PDB file of all heavy atoms in Angstrom:
ATOM      1  N   SER A   1     103.208 200.175 -86.723  1.00  0.00           N
ATOM      2  CA  SER A   1     102.953 199.491 -88.007  1.00  0.00           C
ATOM      3  C   SER A   1     104.217 199.154 -88.796  1.00  0.00           C
ATOM      4  O   SER A   1     104.139 198.682 -89.936  1.00  0.00           O
ATOM      5  CB  SER A   1     102.003 200.304 -88.890  1.00  0.00           C
ATOM      6  OG  SER A   1     100.755 200.467 -88.245  1.00  0.00           O
ATOM      7  N   LYS A   2     105.384 199.364 -88.217  1.00  0.00           N
ATOM      8  CA  LYS A   2     106.629 198.953 -88.843  1.00  0.00           C
ATOM      9  C   LYS A   2     107.248 197.837 -88.009  1.00  0.00           C
ATOM     10  O   LYS A   2     107.410 197.969 -86.797  1.00  0.00           O
ATOM     11  CB  LYS A   2     107.604 200.127 -88.958  1.00  0.00           C
ATOM     12  CG  LYS A   2     108.901 199.764 -89.673  1.00  0.00           C
ATOM     13  CD  LYS A   2     109.802 200.974 -89.839  1.00  0.00           C
ATOM     14  CE  LYS A   2     111.078 200.591 -90.581  1.00  0.00           C
ATOM     15  NZ  LYS A   2     111.982 201.759 -90.770  1.00  0.00           N
ATOM     16  N   LEU A   3     107.581 196.717 -88.665  1.00  0.00           N
ATOM     17  CA  LEU A   3     108.107 195.558 -87.955  1.00  0.00           C
ATOM     18  C   LEU A   3     109.625 195.616 -87.850  1.00  0.00           C
ATOM     19  O   LEU A   3     110.312 196.028 -88.785  1.00  0.00           O
ATOM     20  CB  LEU A   3     107.696 194.267 -88.666  1.00  0.00           C
ATOM     21  CG  LEU A   3     106.192 194.009 -88.811  1.00  0.00           C
ATOM     22  CD1 LEU A   3     105.958 192.686 -89.531  1.00  0.00           C
ATOM     23  CD2 LEU A   3     105.494 194.021 -87.456  1.00  0.00           C
ATOM     24  N   LYS A   4     110.134 195.209 -86.695  1.00  0.00           N
ATOM     25  CA  LYS A   4     111.574 195.085 -86.523  1.00  0.00           C
ATOM     26  C   LYS A   4     111.877 193.948 -85.564  1.00  0.00           C
ATOM     27  O   LYS A   4     111.015 193.511 -84.794  1.00  0.00           O
ATOM     28  CB  LYS A   4     112.197 196.391 -86.035  1.00  0.00           C
ATOM     29  CG  LYS A   4     111.910 196.742 -84.593  1.00  0.00           C
ATOM     30  CD  LYS A   4     112.709 197.992 -84.191  1.00  0.00           C
ATOM     31  CE  LYS A   4     112.579 198.286 -82.704  1.00  0.00           C
ATOM     32  NZ  LYS A   4     113.396 199.456 -82.297  1.00  0.00           N
ATOM     33  N   TYR A   5     113.121 193.453 -85.624  1.00  0.00           N
ATOM     34  CA  TYR A   5     113.546 192.335 -84.785  1.00  0.00           C
ATOM     35  C   TYR A   5     114.253 192.850 -83.535  1.00  0.00           C
ATOM     36  O   TYR A   5     114.838 193.929 -83.529  1.00  0.00           O
ATOM     37  CB  TYR A   5     114.528 191.437 -85.536  1.00  0.00           C
ATOM     38  CG  TYR A   5     114.042 190.892 -86.850  1.00  0.00           C
ATOM     39  CD1 TYR A   5     114.653 191.275 -88.040  1.00  0.00           C
ATOM     40  CD2 TYR A   5     112.998 189.964 -86.909  1.00  0.00           C
ATOM     41  CE1 TYR A   5     114.234 190.767 -89.262  1.00  0.00           C
ATOM     42  CE2 TYR A   5     112.576 189.442 -88.125  1.00  0.00           C
ATOM     43  CZ  TYR A   5     113.192 189.849 -89.295  1.00  0.00           C
ATOM     44  OH  TYR A   5     112.777 189.343 -90.497  1.00  0.00           O
ATOM     45  N   GLU A   6     114.222 191.997 -82.497  1.00  0.00           N
ATOM     46  CA  GLU A   6     114.952 192.316 -81.270  1.00  0.00           C
ATOM     47  C   GLU A   6     115.257 191.028 -80.528  1.00  0.00           C
ATOM     48  O   GLU A   6     114.450 190.090 -80.521  1.00  0.00           O
ATOM     49  CB  GLU A   6     114.113 193.245 -80.387  1.00  0.00           C
ATOM     50  CG  GLU A   6     114.796 193.660 -79.091  1.00  0.00           C
ATOM     51  CD  GLU A   6     113.927 194.589 -78.252  1.00  0.00           C
ATOM     52  OE1 GLU A   6     112.920 194.113 -77.681  1.00  0.00           O
ATOM     53  OE2 GLU A   6     114.257 195.782 -78.175  1.00  0.00           O
ATOM     54  N   ILE A   7     116.408 190.983 -79.898  1.00  0.00           N
ATOM     55  CA  ILE A   7     116.764 189.901 -78.976  1.00  0.00           C
ATOM     56  C   ILE A   7     116.968 190.534 -77.614  1.00  0.00           C
ATOM     57  O   ILE A   7     117.778 191.443 -77.453  1.00  0.00           O
ATOM     58  CB  ILE A   7     118.028 189.157 -79.435  1.00  0.00           C
ATOM     59  CG1 ILE A   7     117.746 188.375 -80.723  1.00  0.00           C
ATOM     60  CG2 ILE A   7     118.538 188.210 -78.349  1.00  0.00           C
ATOM     61  CD1 ILE A   7     118.960 187.668 -81.309  1.00  0.00           C
ATOM     62  N   ALA A   8     116.193 190.068 -76.629  1.00  0.00           N
ATOM     63  CA  ALA A   8     116.221 190.694 -75.307  1.00  0.00           C
ATOM     64  C   ALA A   8     115.719 189.710 -74.263  1.00  0.00           C
ATOM     65  O   ALA A   8     115.137 188.665 -74.596  1.00  0.00           O
ATOM     66  CB  ALA A   8     115.359 191.956 -75.293  1.00  0.00           C
ATOM     67  N   GLN A   9     115.923 190.030 -73.002  1.00  0.00           N
ATOM     68  CA  GLN A   9     115.370 189.225 -71.928  1.00  0.00           C
ATOM     69  C   GLN A   9     113.848 189.420 -71.876  1.00  0.00           C
ATOM     70  O   GLN A   9     113.329 190.478 -72.244  1.00  0.00           O
ATOM     71  CB  GLN A   9     115.997 189.594 -70.579  1.00  0.00           C
ATOM     72  CG  GLN A   9     117.392 189.031 -70.386  1.00  0.00           C
ATOM     73  CD  GLN A   9     118.423 189.694 -71.287  1.00  0.00           C
ATOM     74  OE1 GLN A   9     118.660 190.894 -71.227  1.00  0.00           O
ATOM     75  NE2 GLN A   9     119.034 188.905 -72.159  1.00  0.00           N
ATOM     76  N   HIS A  10     113.149 188.400 -71.412  1.00  0.00           N
ATOM     77  CA  HIS A  10     111.691 188.400 -71.459  1.00  0.00           C
ATOM     78  C   HIS A  10     111.078 189.600 -70.754  1.00  0.00           C
ATOM     79  O   HIS A  10     110.077 190.158 -71.231  1.00  0.00           O
ATOM     80  CB  HIS A  10     111.145 187.113 -70.842  1.00  0.00           C
ATOM     81  CG  HIS A  10     109.647 187.049 -70.816  1.00  0.00           C
ATOM     82  ND1 HIS A  10     108.888 186.821 -71.943  1.00  0.00           N
ATOM     83  CD2 HIS A  10     108.764 187.221 -69.790  1.00  0.00           C
ATOM     84  CE1 HIS A  10     107.609 186.845 -71.624  1.00  0.00           C
ATOM     85  NE2 HIS A  10     107.503 187.081 -70.327  1.00  0.00           N
ATOM     86  N   ASP A  11     111.647 190.004 -69.630  1.00  0.00           N
ATOM     87  CA  ASP A  11     111.074 191.115 -68.866  1.00  0.00           C
ATOM     88  C   ASP A  11     111.506 192.490 -69.375  1.00  0.00           C
ATOM     89  O   ASP A  11     111.076 193.517 -68.833  1.00  0.00           O
ATOM     90  CB  ASP A  11     111.450 190.983 -67.383  1.00  0.00           C
ATOM     91  CG  ASP A  11     110.742 189.816 -66.707  1.00  0.00           C
ATOM     92  OD1 ASP A  11     109.742 189.329 -67.266  1.00  0.00           O
ATOM     93  OD2 ASP A  11     111.194 189.398 -65.621  1.00  0.00           O
ATOM     94  N   SER A  12     112.352 192.514 -70.399  1.00  0.00           N
ATOM     95  CA  SER A  12     112.817 193.798 -70.921  1.00  0.00           C
ATOM     96  C   SER A  12     111.668 194.544 -71.590  1.00  0.00           C
ATOM     97  O   SER A  12     110.905 193.972 -72.366  1.00  0.00           O
ATOM     98  CB  SER A  12     113.937 193.597 -71.941  1.00  0.00           C
ATOM     99  OG  SER A  12     115.056 192.994 -71.333  1.00  0.00           O
ATOM    100  N   LYS A  13     111.565 195.823 -71.297  1.00  0.00           N
ATOM    101  CA  LYS A  13     110.515 196.638 -71.891  1.00  0.00           C
ATOM    102  C   LYS A  13     110.867 196.968 -73.340  1.00  0.00           C
ATOM    103  O   LYS A  13     112.033 197.090 -73.700  1.00  0.00           O
ATOM    104  CB  LYS A  13     110.327 197.932 -71.093  1.00  0.00           C
ATOM    105  CG  LYS A  13     109.796 197.701 -69.676  1.00  0.00           C
ATOM    106  CD  LYS A  13     109.587 199.030 -68.947  1.00  0.00           C
ATOM    107  CE  LYS A  13     109.032 198.800 -67.554  1.00  0.00           C
ATOM    108  NZ  LYS A  13     108.813 200.075 -66.827  1.00  0.00           N
ATOM    109  N   VAL A  14     109.837 197.128 -74.158  1.00  0.00           N
ATOM    110  CA  VAL A  14     110.055 197.491 -75.551  1.00  0.00           C
ATOM    111  C   VAL A  14     110.037 199.010 -75.686  1.00  0.00           C
ATOM    112  O   VAL A  14     109.588 199.728 -74.785  1.00  0.00           O
ATOM    113  CB  VAL A  14     108.979 196.866 -76.462  1.00  0.00           C
ATOM    114  CG1 VAL A  14     109.046 195.356 -76.388  1.00  0.00           C
ATOM    115  CG2 VAL A  14     107.585 197.359 -76.081  1.00  0.00           C
ATOM    116  N   ASP A  15     110.532 199.500 -76.815  1.00  0.00           N
ATOM    117  CA  ASP A  15     110.581 200.938 -77.044  1.00  0.00           C
ATOM    118  C   ASP A  15     109.181 201.536 -77.119  1.00  0.00           C
ATOM    119  O   ASP A  15     108.197 200.841 -77.403  1.00  0.00           O
ATOM    120  CB  ASP A  15     111.330 201.243 -78.350  1.00  0.00           C
ATOM    121  CG  ASP A  15     112.805 200.922 -78.260  1.00  0.00           C
ATOM    122  OD1 ASP A  15     113.317 200.832 -77.131  1.00  0.00           O
ATOM    123  OD2 ASP A  15     113.444 200.750 -79.321  1.00  0.00           O
ATOM    124  N   PHE A  16     109.117 202.815 -76.903  1.00  0.00           N
ATOM    125  CA  PHE A  16     107.851 203.544 -76.978  1.00  0.00           C
ATOM    126  C   PHE A  16     107.231 203.363 -78.368  1.00  0.00           C
ATOM    127  O   PHE A  16     107.918 203.400 -79.378  1.00  0.00           O
ATOM    128  CB  PHE A  16     108.093 205.032 -76.699  1.00  0.00           C
ATOM    129  CG  PHE A  16     106.862 205.871 -76.724  1.00  0.00           C
ATOM    130  CD1 PHE A  16     105.862 205.697 -75.778  1.00  0.00           C
ATOM    131  CD2 PHE A  16     106.695 206.844 -77.697  1.00  0.00           C
ATOM    132  CE1 PHE A  16     104.717 206.478 -75.797  1.00  0.00           C
ATOM    133  CE2 PHE A  16     105.569 207.633 -77.729  1.00  0.00           C
ATOM    134  CZ  PHE A  16     104.569 207.454 -76.782  1.00  0.00           C
ATOM    135  N   LEU A  17     105.925 203.144 -78.402  1.00  0.00           N
ATOM    136  CA  LEU A  17     105.143 202.905 -79.617  1.00  0.00           C
ATOM    137  C   LEU A  17     105.369 201.518 -80.214  1.00  0.00           C
ATOM    138  O   LEU A  17     104.884 201.223 -81.313  1.00  0.00           O
ATOM    139  CB  LEU A  17     105.413 203.970 -80.689  1.00  0.00           C
ATOM    140  CG  LEU A  17     104.960 205.401 -80.364  1.00  0.00           C
ATOM    141  CD1 LEU A  17     105.287 206.327 -81.534  1.00  0.00           C
ATOM    142  CD2 LEU A  17     103.469 205.453 -80.054  1.00  0.00           C
ATOM    143  N   CYS A  18     106.097 200.660 -79.502  1.00  0.00           N
ATOM    144  CA  CYS A  18     106.325 199.291 -79.971  1.00  0.00           C
ATOM    145  C   CYS A  18     105.575 198.292 -79.090  1.00  0.00           C
ATOM    146  O   CYS A  18     105.341 198.539 -77.903  1.00  0.00           O
ATOM    147  CB  CYS A  18     107.812 198.948 -79.946  1.00  0.00           C
ATOM    148  SG  CYS A  18     108.822 199.880 -81.105  1.00  0.00           S
ATOM    149  N   SER A  19     105.241 197.157 -79.675  1.00  0.00           N
ATOM    150  CA  SER A  19     104.639 196.053 -78.928  1.00  0.00           C
ATOM    151  C   SER A  19     105.181 194.748 -79.488  1.00  0.00           C
ATOM    152  O   SER A  19     105.620 194.682 -80.648  1.00  0.00           O
ATOM    153  CB  SER A  19     103.112 196.079 -79.032  1.00  0.00           C
ATOM    154  OG  SER A  19     102.697 195.956 -80.385  1.00  0.00           O
ATOM    155  N   VAL A  20     105.169 193.695 -78.672  1.00  0.00           N
ATOM    156  CA  VAL A  20     105.667 192.390 -79.110  1.00  0.00           C
ATOM    157  C   VAL A  20     104.574 191.692 -79.910  1.00  0.00           C
ATOM    158  O   VAL A  20     103.528 191.340 -79.386  1.00  0.00           O
ATOM    159  CB  VAL A  20     106.086 191.527 -77.905  1.00  0.00           C
ATOM    160  CG1 VAL A  20     106.545 190.153 -78.392  1.00  0.00           C
ATOM    161  CG2 VAL A  20     107.199 192.204 -77.110  1.00  0.00           C
ATOM    162  N   LYS A  21     104.840 191.500 -81.198  1.00  0.00           N
ATOM    163  CA  LYS A  21     103.874 190.821 -82.063  1.00  0.00           C
ATOM    164  C   LYS A  21     104.079 189.307 -82.018  1.00  0.00           C
ATOM    165  O   LYS A  21     103.136 188.547 -81.891  1.00  0.00           O
ATOM    166  CB  LYS A  21     104.003 191.323 -83.501  1.00  0.00           C
ATOM    167  CG  LYS A  21     102.958 190.752 -84.457  1.00  0.00           C
ATOM    168  CD  LYS A  21     103.046 191.404 -85.818  1.00  0.00           C
ATOM    169  CE  LYS A  21     102.013 190.831 -86.789  1.00  0.00           C
ATOM    170  NZ  LYS A  21     100.618 191.123 -86.333  1.00  0.00           N
ATOM    171  N   HIS A  22     105.333 188.875 -82.156  1.00  0.00           N
ATOM    172  CA  HIS A  22     105.684 187.455 -82.072  1.00  0.00           C
ATOM    173  C   HIS A  22     106.974 187.323 -81.256  1.00  0.00           C
ATOM    174  O   HIS A  22     107.847 188.186 -81.331  1.00  0.00           O
ATOM    175  CB  HIS A  22     105.941 186.848 -83.455  1.00  0.00           C
ATOM    176  CG  HIS A  22     104.859 187.062 -84.458  1.00  0.00           C
ATOM    177  ND1 HIS A  22     103.609 186.517 -84.327  1.00  0.00           N
ATOM    178  CD2 HIS A  22     104.859 187.766 -85.620  1.00  0.00           C
ATOM    179  CE1 HIS A  22     102.873 186.862 -85.376  1.00  0.00           C
ATOM    180  NE2 HIS A  22     103.603 187.630 -86.163  1.00  0.00           N
ATOM    181  N   SER A  23     107.101 186.236 -80.508  1.00  0.00           N
ATOM    182  CA  SER A  23     108.369 186.000 -79.803  1.00  0.00           C
ATOM    183  C   SER A  23     108.492 184.532 -79.417  1.00  0.00           C
ATOM    184  O   SER A  23     107.493 183.823 -79.258  1.00  0.00           O
ATOM    185  CB  SER A  23     108.482 186.876 -78.546  1.00  0.00           C
ATOM    186  OG  SER A  23     107.558 186.473 -77.563  1.00  0.00           O
ATOM    187  N   ALA A  24     109.736 184.103 -79.269  1.00  0.00           N
ATOM    188  CA  ALA A  24     110.032 182.758 -78.778  1.00  0.00           C
ATOM    189  C   ALA A  24     111.226 182.847 -77.846  1.00  0.00           C
ATOM    190  O   ALA A  24     112.268 183.408 -78.197  1.00  0.00           O
ATOM    191  CB  ALA A  24     110.322 181.794 -79.919  1.00  0.00           C
ATOM    192  N   GLN A  25     111.071 182.285 -76.666  1.00  0.00           N
ATOM    193  CA  GLN A  25     112.120 182.323 -75.649  1.00  0.00           C
ATOM    194  C   GLN A  25     112.982 181.074 -75.738  1.00  0.00           C
ATOM    195  O   GLN A  25     112.510 179.995 -76.118  1.00  0.00           O
ATOM    196  CB  GLN A  25     111.484 182.429 -74.267  1.00  0.00           C
ATOM    197  CG  GLN A  25     112.439 182.735 -73.137  1.00  0.00           C
ATOM    198  CD  GLN A  25     111.729 182.753 -71.799  1.00  0.00           C
ATOM    199  OE1 GLN A  25     110.873 181.921 -71.531  1.00  0.00           O
ATOM    200  NE2 GLN A  25     112.073 183.716 -70.962  1.00  0.00           N
ATOM    201  N   GLY A  26     114.224 181.231 -75.421  1.00  0.00           N
ATOM    202  CA  GLY A  26     115.147 180.104 -75.375  1.00  0.00           C
ATOM    203  C   GLY A  26     116.251 180.420 -74.394  1.00  0.00           C
ATOM    204  O   GLY A  26     116.057 180.418 -73.191  1.00  0.00           O
ATOM    205  N   GLY A  27     117.423 180.727 -74.945  1.00  0.00           N
ATOM    206  CA  GLY A  27     118.550 181.079 -74.112  1.00  0.00           C
ATOM    207  C   GLY A  27     119.628 180.006 -74.131  1.00  0.00           C
ATOM    208  O   GLY A  27     119.402 178.884 -74.580  1.00  0.00           O
ATOM    209  N   PRO A  28     120.819 180.389 -73.684  1.00  0.00           N
ATOM    210  CA  PRO A  28     121.152 181.693 -73.137  1.00  0.00           C
ATOM    211  C   PRO A  28     121.430 182.730 -74.220  1.00  0.00           C
ATOM    212  O   PRO A  28     121.624 182.388 -75.379  1.00  0.00           O
ATOM    213  CB  PRO A  28     122.434 181.414 -72.355  1.00  0.00           C
ATOM    214  CG  PRO A  28     123.092 180.315 -73.140  1.00  0.00           C
ATOM    215  CD  PRO A  28     121.963 179.446 -73.619  1.00  0.00           C
ATOM    216  N   GLN A  29     121.446 184.000 -73.813  1.00  0.00           N
ATOM    217  CA  GLN A  29     121.954 185.046 -74.688  1.00  0.00           C
ATOM    218  C   GLN A  29     123.428 184.777 -74.947  1.00  0.00           C
ATOM    219  O   GLN A  29     124.182 184.430 -74.038  1.00  0.00           O
ATOM    220  CB  GLN A  29     121.785 186.415 -74.021  1.00  0.00           C
ATOM    221  CG  GLN A  29     122.395 187.558 -74.814  1.00  0.00           C
ATOM    222  CD  GLN A  29     122.267 188.885 -74.098  1.00  0.00           C
ATOM    223  OE1 GLN A  29     121.187 189.453 -74.017  1.00  0.00           O
ATOM    224  NE2 GLN A  29     123.379 189.381 -73.554  1.00  0.00           N
ATOM    225  N   LEU A  30     123.839 184.923 -76.211  1.00  0.00           N
ATOM    226  CA  LEU A  30     125.238 184.722 -76.596  1.00  0.00           C
ATOM    227  C   LEU A  30     125.965 186.041 -76.793  1.00  0.00           C
ATOM    228  O   LEU A  30     127.101 186.212 -76.366  1.00  0.00           O
ATOM    229  CB  LEU A  30     125.303 183.898 -77.888  1.00  0.00           C
ATOM    230  CG  LEU A  30     124.599 182.542 -77.877  1.00  0.00           C
ATOM    231  CD1 LEU A  30     124.677 181.898 -79.255  1.00  0.00           C
ATOM    232  CD2 LEU A  30     125.181 181.627 -76.816  1.00  0.00           C
ATOM    233  N   LEU A  31     125.309 186.958 -77.489  1.00  0.00           N
ATOM    234  CA  LEU A  31     125.857 188.288 -77.760  1.00  0.00           C
ATOM    235  C   LEU A  31     124.807 189.340 -77.459  1.00  0.00           C
ATOM    236  O   LEU A  31     123.603 189.072 -77.622  1.00  0.00           O
ATOM    237  CB  LEU A  31     126.269 188.413 -79.242  1.00  0.00           C
ATOM    238  CG  LEU A  31     127.382 187.502 -79.754  1.00  0.00           C
ATOM    239  CD1 LEU A  31     127.516 187.647 -81.272  1.00  0.00           C
ATOM    240  CD2 LEU A  31     128.709 187.800 -79.072  1.00  0.00           C
ATOM    241  N   PRO A  32     125.192 190.512 -76.973  1.00  0.00           N
ATOM    242  CA  PRO A  32     126.573 190.989 -76.817  1.00  0.00           C
ATOM    243  C   PRO A  32     127.322 190.389 -75.635  1.00  0.00           C
ATOM    244  O   PRO A  32     128.551 190.478 -75.585  1.00  0.00           O
ATOM    245  CB  PRO A  32     126.390 192.490 -76.628  1.00  0.00           C
ATOM    246  CG  PRO A  32     125.032 192.638 -76.034  1.00  0.00           C
ATOM    247  CD  PRO A  32     124.212 191.563 -76.653  1.00  0.00           C
ATOM    248  N   ASN A  33     126.593 189.781 -74.687  1.00  0.00           N
ATOM    249  CA  ASN A  33     127.244 189.160 -73.532  1.00  0.00           C
ATOM    250  C   ASN A  33     126.646 187.787 -73.292  1.00  0.00           C
ATOM    251  O   ASN A  33     125.432 187.589 -73.430  1.00  0.00           O
ATOM    252  CB  ASN A  33     127.061 190.025 -72.277  1.00  0.00           C
ATOM    253  CG  ASN A  33     127.627 191.422 -72.428  1.00  0.00           C
ATOM    254  OD1 ASN A  33     128.810 191.591 -72.691  1.00  0.00           O
ATOM    255  ND2 ASN A  33     126.769 192.424 -72.291  1.00  0.00           N
ATOM    256  N   LEU A  34     127.480 186.842 -72.931  1.00  0.00           N
ATOM    257  CA  LEU A  34     127.027 185.502 -72.597  1.00  0.00           C
ATOM    258  C   LEU A  34     126.429 185.500 -71.196  1.00  0.00           C
ATOM    259  O   LEU A  34     127.072 185.936 -70.245  1.00  0.00           O
ATOM    260  CB  LEU A  34     128.207 184.530 -72.679  1.00  0.00           C
ATOM    261  CG  LEU A  34     127.906 183.036 -72.561  1.00  0.00           C
ATOM    262  CD1 LEU A  34     126.914 182.587 -73.624  1.00  0.00           C
ATOM    263  CD2 LEU A  34     129.201 182.235 -72.687  1.00  0.00           C
ATOM    264  N   ARG A  35     125.180 185.019 -71.071  1.00  0.00           N
ATOM    265  CA  ARG A  35     124.452 185.090 -69.806  1.00  0.00           C
ATOM    266  C   ARG A  35     124.135 183.671 -69.288  1.00  0.00           C
ATOM    267  O   ARG A  35     122.982 183.246 -69.286  1.00  0.00           O
ATOM    268  CB  ARG A  35     123.151 185.879 -69.992  1.00  0.00           C
ATOM    269  CG  ARG A  35     123.367 187.367 -70.241  1.00  0.00           C
ATOM    270  CD  ARG A  35     122.057 188.055 -70.581  1.00  0.00           C
ATOM    271  NE  ARG A  35     120.999 187.763 -69.628  1.00  0.00           N
ATOM    272  CZ  ARG A  35     120.779 188.456 -68.509  1.00  0.00           C
ATOM    273  NH1 ARG A  35     121.560 189.484 -68.197  1.00  0.00           N
ATOM    274  NH2 ARG A  35     119.783 188.125 -67.712  1.00  0.00           N
ATOM    275  N   LEU A  36     125.152 182.963 -68.867  1.00  0.00           N
ATOM    276  CA  LEU A  36     124.955 181.594 -68.398  1.00  0.00           C
ATOM    277  C   LEU A  36     124.419 181.540 -66.975  1.00  0.00           C
ATOM    278  O   LEU A  36     123.425 180.844 -66.702  1.00  0.00           O
ATOM    279  CB  LEU A  36     126.271 180.823 -68.496  1.00  0.00           C
ATOM    280  CG  LEU A  36     126.761 180.500 -69.908  1.00  0.00           C
ATOM    281  CD1 LEU A  36     128.107 179.793 -69.836  1.00  0.00           C
ATOM    282  CD2 LEU A  36     125.748 179.663 -70.667  1.00  0.00           C
TER     283      LEU A  36
END
């Protein structure tokens, strides 16, 4: 019941007791590492 933001790869698992409420995919990741 507490909302927080995250930037991660689509297949990345979320933390325990968390679920994805909203998300939008794009890419590439810029930080912490560029994933071209």
